[in-house]
Amino acid sequence: MRKEVKEGYIWVISGKQRIAITKALNKPLTASLIKKRTNIKISNISDILREMVRLKLAKVLNPKDKRNRVYSLTRKGESVK
């Protein structure tokens, strides 16, 4: 396992919510749809998604839309899953 993938994996498995959100992203979703699937507070989802984007585990498919952003896993995120 590459170092950056290993670091991403360790970050994901260090929290139940992180694991649930990573699993929920089996297809592109908005934060609201992730909330419906996981029952995690939307503020927590937003924080985790923001960090996932920073770590290059996820990407925003429509970055210009500030209200209904669609997220998907990157290759790195898929390898962590």
N, C-alpha and C. Protein backbone atom coordinates (compact mmCIF):
# COMPACT_ATOMS: atom_id res chain seq x y z
N MET A 1 0.85 -1.18 0.00
CA MET A 1 0.00 0.00 0.00
C MET A 1 0.90 1.24 0.00
N ARG A 2 0.61 2.17 -0.93
CA ARG A 2 1.39 3.40 -0.99
C ARG A 2 1.19 4.22 0.28
N LYS A 3 2.21 5.02 0.61
CA LYS A 3 2.18 5.80 1.84
C LYS A 3 0.96 6.71 1.94
N GLU A 4 0.65 7.44 0.85
CA GLU A 4 -0.49 8.37 0.90
C GLU A 4 -1.82 7.63 1.03
N VAL A 5 -1.93 6.46 0.42
CA VAL A 5 -3.15 5.66 0.56
C VAL A 5 -3.25 5.13 1.98
N LYS A 6 -2.13 4.69 2.53
CA LYS A 6 -2.12 4.18 3.90
C LYS A 6 -2.54 5.27 4.88
N GLU A 7 -2.03 6.50 4.68
CA GLU A 7 -2.42 7.61 5.56
C GLU A 7 -3.91 7.91 5.44
N GLY A 8 -4.44 7.87 4.21
CA GLY A 8 -5.87 8.09 4.01
C GLY A 8 -6.69 7.00 4.67
N TYR A 9 -6.23 5.76 4.55
CA TYR A 9 -6.91 4.63 5.16
C TYR A 9 -6.96 4.79 6.68
N ILE A 10 -5.84 5.14 7.26
CA ILE A 10 -5.78 5.32 8.72
C ILE A 10 -6.72 6.45 9.15
N TRP A 11 -6.77 7.54 8.37
CA TRP A 11 -7.67 8.65 8.70
C TRP A 11 -9.12 8.18 8.65
N VAL A 12 -9.50 7.44 7.63
CA VAL A 12 -10.89 6.99 7.49
C VAL A 12 -11.28 6.05 8.63
N ILE A 13 -10.47 5.05 8.91
CA ILE A 13 -10.86 4.06 9.91
C ILE A 13 -10.78 4.57 11.35
N SER A 14 -10.27 5.78 11.52
CA SER A 14 -10.17 6.31 12.89
C SER A 14 -11.48 6.93 13.37
N GLY A 15 -12.55 6.82 12.59
CA GLY A 15 -13.84 7.35 13.03
C GLY A 15 -15.01 6.63 12.38
N LYS A 16 -16.01 6.30 13.18
CA LYS A 16 -17.19 5.60 12.66
C LYS A 16 -17.91 6.41 11.60
N GLN A 17 -18.01 7.71 11.80
CA GLN A 17 -18.70 8.56 10.82
C GLN A 17 -17.91 8.63 9.51
N ARG A 18 -16.60 8.68 9.61
CA ARG A 18 -15.77 8.70 8.41
C ARG A 18 -15.96 7.42 7.60
N ILE A 19 -16.01 6.31 8.29
CA ILE A 19 -16.23 5.01 7.62
C ILE A 19 -17.59 5.01 6.93
N ALA A 20 -18.63 5.44 7.65
CA ALA A 20 -19.99 5.44 7.10
C ALA A 20 -20.09 6.33 5.87
N ILE A 21 -19.48 7.50 5.92
CA ILE A 21 -19.54 8.43 4.78
C ILE A 21 -18.77 7.86 3.59
N THR A 22 -17.62 7.28 3.84
CA THR A 22 -16.83 6.68 2.76
C THR A 22 -17.62 5.55 2.10
N LYS A 23 -18.28 4.73 2.89
CA LYS A 23 -19.09 3.64 2.34
C LYS A 23 -20.29 4.18 1.57
N ALA A 24 -20.88 5.26 2.06
CA ALA A 24 -22.06 5.84 1.40
C ALA A 24 -21.71 6.40 0.02
N LEU A 25 -20.47 6.82 -0.15
CA LEU A 25 -20.06 7.41 -1.42
C LEU A 25 -19.72 6.34 -2.47
N ASN A 26 -20.56 5.33 -2.58
CA ASN A 26 -20.37 4.32 -3.62
C ASN A 26 -20.82 4.85 -4.98
N LYS A 27 -21.48 6.03 -4.95
CA LYS A 27 -21.83 6.76 -6.17
C LYS A 27 -21.87 8.23 -5.77
N PRO A 28 -21.82 9.15 -6.73
CA PRO A 28 -21.84 10.57 -6.39
C PRO A 28 -23.10 10.97 -5.62
N LEU A 29 -22.91 11.71 -4.52
CA LEU A 29 -24.02 12.12 -3.66
C LEU A 29 -23.79 13.51 -3.10
N THR A 30 -24.89 14.16 -2.73
CA THR A 30 -24.82 15.42 -2.00
C THR A 30 -24.74 15.10 -0.51
N ALA A 31 -24.38 16.10 0.28
CA ALA A 31 -24.32 15.91 1.74
C ALA A 31 -25.70 15.53 2.28
N SER A 32 -26.76 16.10 1.72
CA SER A 32 -28.12 15.79 2.17
C SER A 32 -28.47 14.32 1.94
N LEU A 33 -28.07 13.80 0.79
CA LEU A 33 -28.35 12.37 0.52
C LEU A 33 -27.51 11.47 1.42
N ILE A 34 -26.29 11.89 1.71
CA ILE A 34 -25.46 11.11 2.65
C ILE A 34 -26.13 11.10 4.02
N LYS A 35 -26.70 12.25 4.43
CA LYS A 35 -27.40 12.31 5.72
C LYS A 35 -28.56 11.32 5.77
N LYS A 36 -29.33 11.24 4.69
CA LYS A 36 -30.46 10.31 4.64
C LYS A 36 -30.00 8.87 4.74
N ARG A 37 -28.85 8.56 4.16
CA ARG A 37 -28.34 7.18 4.18
C ARG A 37 -27.67 6.80 5.49
N THR A 38 -27.08 7.80 6.17
CA THR A 38 -26.26 7.49 7.34
C THR A 38 -26.83 7.99 8.66
N ASN A 39 -27.75 8.95 8.61
CA ASN A 39 -28.31 9.57 9.81
C ASN A 39 -27.26 10.30 10.65
N ILE A 40 -26.24 10.82 9.99
CA ILE A 40 -25.20 11.63 10.64
C ILE A 40 -25.60 13.09 10.49
N LYS A 41 -25.30 13.91 11.49
CA LYS A 41 -25.62 15.34 11.42
C LYS A 41 -24.95 15.96 10.20
N ILE A 42 -25.69 16.84 9.53
CA ILE A 42 -25.20 17.47 8.31
C ILE A 42 -23.92 18.27 8.55
N SER A 43 -23.79 18.90 9.71
CA SER A 43 -22.58 19.66 10.01
C SER A 43 -21.36 18.74 10.09
N ASN A 44 -21.54 17.57 10.68
CA ASN A 44 -20.44 16.60 10.74
C ASN A 44 -20.09 16.08 9.36
N ILE A 45 -21.11 15.83 8.55
CA ILE A 45 -20.88 15.36 7.18
C ILE A 45 -20.09 16.40 6.40
N SER A 46 -20.48 17.66 6.52
CA SER A 46 -19.78 18.73 5.81
C SER A 46 -18.32 18.82 6.22
N ASP A 47 -18.07 18.73 7.52
CA ASP A 47 -16.68 18.78 8.01
C ASP A 47 -15.86 17.63 7.47
N ILE A 48 -16.43 16.44 7.49
CA ILE A 48 -15.71 15.25 7.02
C ILE A 48 -15.49 15.31 5.51
N LEU A 49 -16.49 15.73 4.77
CA LEU A 49 -16.33 15.85 3.31
C LEU A 49 -15.26 16.88 2.97
N ARG A 50 -15.25 17.99 3.67
CA ARG A 50 -14.23 19.02 3.43
C ARG A 50 -12.83 18.45 3.66
N GLU A 51 -12.69 17.68 4.72
CA GLU A 51 -11.38 17.07 5.01
C GLU A 51 -11.05 15.99 3.98
N MET A 52 -12.04 15.24 3.54
CA MET A 52 -11.81 14.22 2.52
C MET A 52 -11.33 14.86 1.21
N VAL A 53 -11.89 16.00 0.87
CA VAL A 53 -11.44 16.72 -0.33
C VAL A 53 -10.00 17.20 -0.13
N ARG A 54 -9.71 17.74 1.04
CA ARG A 54 -8.35 18.21 1.33
C ARG A 54 -7.33 17.09 1.23
N LEU A 55 -7.71 15.90 1.70
CA LEU A 55 -6.82 14.73 1.67
C LEU A 55 -6.85 14.02 0.32
N LYS A 56 -7.64 14.54 -0.62
CA LYS A 56 -7.78 13.97 -1.96
C LYS A 56 -8.41 12.57 -1.96
N LEU A 57 -9.27 12.33 -0.96
CA LEU A 57 -10.03 11.09 -0.90
C LEU A 57 -11.36 11.25 -1.64
N ALA A 58 -11.81 12.49 -1.76
CA ALA A 58 -13.07 12.79 -2.47
C ALA A 58 -12.86 14.05 -3.29
N LYS A 59 -13.77 14.25 -4.24
CA LYS A 59 -13.73 15.47 -5.05
C LYS A 59 -15.14 15.99 -5.21
N VAL A 60 -15.23 17.29 -5.48
CA VAL A 60 -16.52 17.95 -5.73
C VAL A 60 -16.72 17.96 -7.23
N LEU A 61 -17.82 17.41 -7.69
CA LEU A 61 -18.08 17.32 -9.12
C LEU A 61 -18.63 18.63 -9.69
N ASN A 62 -19.22 19.46 -8.86
CA ASN A 62 -19.79 20.73 -9.30
C ASN A 62 -19.33 21.86 -8.36
N PRO A 63 -18.06 22.23 -8.40
CA PRO A 63 -17.50 23.17 -7.42
C PRO A 63 -18.12 24.57 -7.44
N LYS A 64 -18.74 24.98 -8.54
CA LYS A 64 -19.33 26.31 -8.58
C LYS A 64 -20.65 26.39 -7.82
N ASP A 65 -21.29 25.26 -7.61
CA ASP A 65 -22.55 25.22 -6.86
C ASP A 65 -22.22 25.17 -5.37
N LYS A 66 -22.58 26.21 -4.66
CA LYS A 66 -22.23 26.29 -3.23
C LYS A 66 -23.26 25.61 -2.32
N ARG A 67 -24.45 25.32 -2.84
CA ARG A 67 -25.51 24.78 -1.97
C ARG A 67 -25.73 23.28 -2.11
N ASN A 68 -25.60 22.75 -3.28
CA ASN A 68 -25.86 21.32 -3.50
C ASN A 68 -24.68 20.65 -4.17
N ARG A 69 -23.56 20.70 -3.52
CA ARG A 69 -22.37 20.09 -4.08
C ARG A 69 -22.51 18.58 -4.13
N VAL A 70 -22.01 18.03 -5.21
CA VAL A 70 -22.04 16.58 -5.40
C VAL A 70 -20.62 16.07 -5.20
N TYR A 71 -20.48 15.09 -4.33
CA TYR A 71 -19.18 14.53 -3.98
C TYR A 71 -19.05 13.11 -4.52
N SER A 72 -17.84 12.76 -4.88
CA SER A 72 -17.55 11.38 -5.24
C SER A 72 -16.15 11.05 -4.76
N LEU A 73 -15.89 9.77 -4.62
CA LEU A 73 -14.56 9.34 -4.20
C LEU A 73 -13.58 9.47 -5.37
N THR A 74 -12.36 9.81 -5.04
CA THR A 74 -11.28 9.80 -6.03
C THR A 74 -10.73 8.38 -6.12
N ARG A 75 -9.77 8.17 -6.99
CA ARG A 75 -9.12 6.84 -7.04
C ARG A 75 -8.50 6.51 -5.70
N LYS A 76 -7.88 7.51 -5.10
CA LYS A 76 -7.29 7.30 -3.77
C LYS A 76 -8.37 6.91 -2.76
N GLY A 77 -9.51 7.61 -2.81
CA GLY A 77 -10.62 7.29 -1.91
C GLY A 77 -11.19 5.91 -2.16
N GLU A 78 -11.27 5.51 -3.43
CA GLU A 78 -11.75 4.17 -3.77
C GLU A 78 -10.80 3.11 -3.22
N SER A 79 -9.51 3.37 -3.28
CA SER A 79 -8.54 2.38 -2.79
C SER A 79 -8.57 2.27 -1.27
N VAL A 80 -9.00 3.35 -0.60
CA VAL A 80 -9.12 3.34 0.86
C VAL A 80 -10.37 2.55 1.27
N LYS A 81 -11.41 2.67 0.45
CA LYS A 81 -12.70 2.03 0.75
C LYS A 81 -12.53 0.54 0.79
